[in-house]
Amino acid sequence: MTGRFVIHLPVRASDLARAKMLGRTAGRSLGFLAAVELGGITVSAEDDQGVRHWVFCDRKLDGGRRCVLRADHVTACTTRLPGRRGR
């Protein structure tokens, strides 16, 4: 077999908000790895995995970078998290 493979890592959360928060935390923790695509992180209900909810905004910004804020943010897009320097 050749090509790309995707890791599915089931993690339980009590509701959608907590699932998204855990997805963002896991993504940001592993974001230093080139293989991790933050914009592709989604969450779903265990019994309805065909309905996925985006975790990150991932809009493409100037310079080719992507927004790192949550999918439903209401502020302007940014390539850096507020309050974090040097990242």
C-alpha atoms as a PDB file:
ATOM      1  CA  MET A   1       0.000   0.000   0.000  1.00  0.00           C
ATOM      2  CA  THR A   2       1.145   3.491  -0.774  1.00  0.00           C
ATOM      3  CA  GLY A   3      -0.297   6.935  -0.192  1.00  0.00           C
ATOM      4  CA  ARG A   4      -1.499   8.811   2.850  1.00  0.00           C
ATOM      5  CA  PHE A   5      -2.936   7.267   5.955  1.00  0.00           C
ATOM      6  CA  VAL A   6      -5.024   8.949   8.661  1.00  0.00           C
ATOM      7  CA  ILE A   7      -4.947   8.093  12.360  1.00  0.00           C
ATOM      8  CA  HIS A   8      -8.343   7.846  14.058  1.00  0.00           C
ATOM      9  CA  LEU A   9      -7.987   8.263  17.799  1.00  0.00           C
ATOM     10  CA  PRO A  10     -11.289   7.802  19.629  1.00  0.00           C
ATOM     11  CA  VAL A  11     -11.467   9.876  22.797  1.00  0.00           C
ATOM     12  CA  ARG A  12     -14.592  10.260  24.912  1.00  0.00           C
ATOM     13  CA  ALA A  13     -16.022  13.631  25.915  1.00  0.00           C
ATOM     14  CA  SER A  14     -19.287  14.389  27.679  1.00  0.00           C
ATOM     15  CA  ASP A  15     -20.540  16.936  25.112  1.00  0.00           C
ATOM     16  CA  LEU A  16     -19.673  18.638  21.823  1.00  0.00           C
ATOM     17  CA  ALA A  17     -18.044  21.691  23.440  1.00  0.00           C
ATOM     18  CA  ARG A  18     -15.702  19.510  25.492  1.00  0.00           C
ATOM     19  CA  ALA A  19     -14.937  17.318  22.466  1.00  0.00           C
ATOM     20  CA  LYS A  20     -13.933  20.403  20.452  1.00  0.00           C
ATOM     21  CA  MET A  21     -11.825  21.690  23.348  1.00  0.00           C
ATOM     22  CA  LEU A  22     -10.028  18.354  23.610  1.00  0.00           C
ATOM     23  CA  GLY A  23      -9.518  18.307  19.837  1.00  0.00           C
ATOM     24  CA  ARG A  24      -7.963  21.786  19.940  1.00  0.00           C
ATOM     25  CA  THR A  25      -5.753  20.837  22.882  1.00  0.00           C
ATOM     26  CA  ALA A  26      -4.543  17.653  21.203  1.00  0.00           C
ATOM     27  CA  GLY A  27      -3.971  19.459  17.915  1.00  0.00           C
ATOM     28  CA  ARG A  28      -2.006  22.299  19.465  1.00  0.00           C
ATOM     29  CA  SER A  29       0.029  19.832  21.510  1.00  0.00           C
ATOM     30  CA  LEU A  30       1.024  17.945  18.371  1.00  0.00           C
ATOM     31  CA  GLY A  31       1.044  20.935  16.018  1.00  0.00           C
ATOM     32  CA  PHE A  32       4.843  21.080  15.960  1.00  0.00           C
ATOM     33  CA  LEU A  33       4.797  17.872  13.886  1.00  0.00           C
ATOM     34  CA  ALA A  34       4.692  18.556  10.143  1.00  0.00           C
ATOM     35  CA  ALA A  35       2.402  15.547   9.671  1.00  0.00           C
ATOM     36  CA  VAL A  36      -0.373  17.062  11.816  1.00  0.00           C
ATOM     37  CA  GLU A  37      -2.971  19.035   9.843  1.00  0.00           C
ATOM     38  CA  LEU A  38      -4.767  21.177  12.408  1.00  0.00           C
ATOM     39  CA  GLY A  39      -7.354  22.271   9.867  1.00  0.00           C
ATOM     40  CA  GLY A  40      -8.438  18.684   9.340  1.00  0.00           C
ATOM     41  CA  ILE A  41      -9.331  17.967  12.963  1.00  0.00           C
ATOM     42  CA  THR A  42     -13.023  17.201  13.446  1.00  0.00           C
ATOM     43  CA  VAL A  43     -15.157  15.651  16.177  1.00  0.00           C
ATOM     44  CA  SER A  44     -18.364  13.643  15.941  1.00  0.00           C
ATOM     45  CA  ALA A  45     -20.861  11.829  18.111  1.00  0.00           C
ATOM     46  CA  GLU A  46     -19.898   8.192  18.623  1.00  0.00           C
ATOM     47  CA  ASP A  47     -23.168   6.946  17.163  1.00  0.00           C
ATOM     48  CA  ASP A  48     -23.239   9.479  14.280  1.00  0.00           C
ATOM     49  CA  GLN A  49     -19.671   9.635  12.991  1.00  0.00           C
ATOM     50  CA  GLY A  50     -20.787  10.762   9.547  1.00  0.00           C
ATOM     51  CA  VAL A  51     -21.663  14.187  11.005  1.00  0.00           C
ATOM     52  CA  ARG A  52     -18.393  15.910  11.800  1.00  0.00           C
ATOM     53  CA  HIS A  53     -17.798  19.253  13.487  1.00  0.00           C
ATOM     54  CA  TRP A  54     -14.690  21.280  12.603  1.00  0.00           C
ATOM     55  CA  VAL A  55     -12.364  22.142  15.493  1.00  0.00           C
ATOM     56  CA  PHE A  56     -10.183  24.838  13.874  1.00  0.00           C
ATOM     57  CA  CYS A  57     -11.111  27.702  11.524  1.00  0.00           C
ATOM     58  CA  ASP A  58      -8.224  26.974   9.114  1.00  0.00           C
ATOM     59  CA  ARG A  59      -8.980  29.886   6.741  1.00  0.00           C
ATOM     60  CA  LYS A  60      -6.037  30.577   4.456  1.00  0.00           C
ATOM     61  CA  LEU A  61      -4.436  33.940   5.248  1.00  0.00           C
ATOM     62  CA  ASP A  62      -1.823  36.123   3.535  1.00  0.00           C
ATOM     63  CA  GLY A  63       1.506  34.393   3.179  1.00  0.00           C
ATOM     64  CA  GLY A  64      -0.058  30.938   2.906  1.00  0.00           C
ATOM     65  CA  ARG A  65      -0.474  30.425   6.665  1.00  0.00           C
ATOM     66  CA  ARG A  66      -3.803  29.396   8.179  1.00  0.00           C
ATOM     67  CA  CYS A  67      -5.951  30.698  11.012  1.00  0.00           C
ATOM     68  CA  VAL A  68      -5.299  28.825  14.273  1.00  0.00           C
ATOM     69  CA  LEU A  69      -8.457  29.871  16.137  1.00  0.00           C
ATOM     70  CA  ARG A  70     -11.472  27.657  16.823  1.00  0.00           C
ATOM     71  CA  ALA A  71     -13.875  27.030  13.962  1.00  0.00           C
ATOM     72  CA  ASP A  72     -16.655  29.268  15.294  1.00  0.00           C
ATOM     73  CA  HIS A  73     -14.562  32.276  16.392  1.00  0.00           C
ATOM     74  CA  VAL A  74     -16.044  35.770  16.014  1.00  0.00           C
ATOM     75  CA  THR A  75     -12.791  37.752  16.112  1.00  0.00           C
ATOM     76  CA  ALA A  76     -10.476  38.409  13.184  1.00  0.00           C
ATOM     77  CA  CYS A  77      -8.494  35.415  11.937  1.00  0.00           C
ATOM     78  CA  THR A  78      -4.888  35.121  13.081  1.00  0.00           C
ATOM     79  CA  THR A  79      -1.864  32.879  12.558  1.00  0.00           C
ATOM     80  CA  ARG A  80      -0.906  33.035  16.252  1.00  0.00           C
ATOM     81  CA  LEU A  81      -2.783  32.429  19.458  1.00  0.00           C
ATOM     82  CA  PRO A  82      -3.356  35.580  21.530  1.00  0.00           C
ATOM     83  CA  GLY A  83      -0.887  35.927  24.405  1.00  0.00           C
ATOM     84  CA  ARG A  84       1.673  33.470  22.998  1.00  0.00           C
ATOM     85  CA  ARG A  85       4.987  34.879  21.867  1.00  0.00           C
ATOM     86  CA  GLY A  86       7.562  33.298  19.634  1.00  0.00           C
ATOM     87  CA  ARG A  87       5.302  30.675  18.093  1.00  0.00           C
END
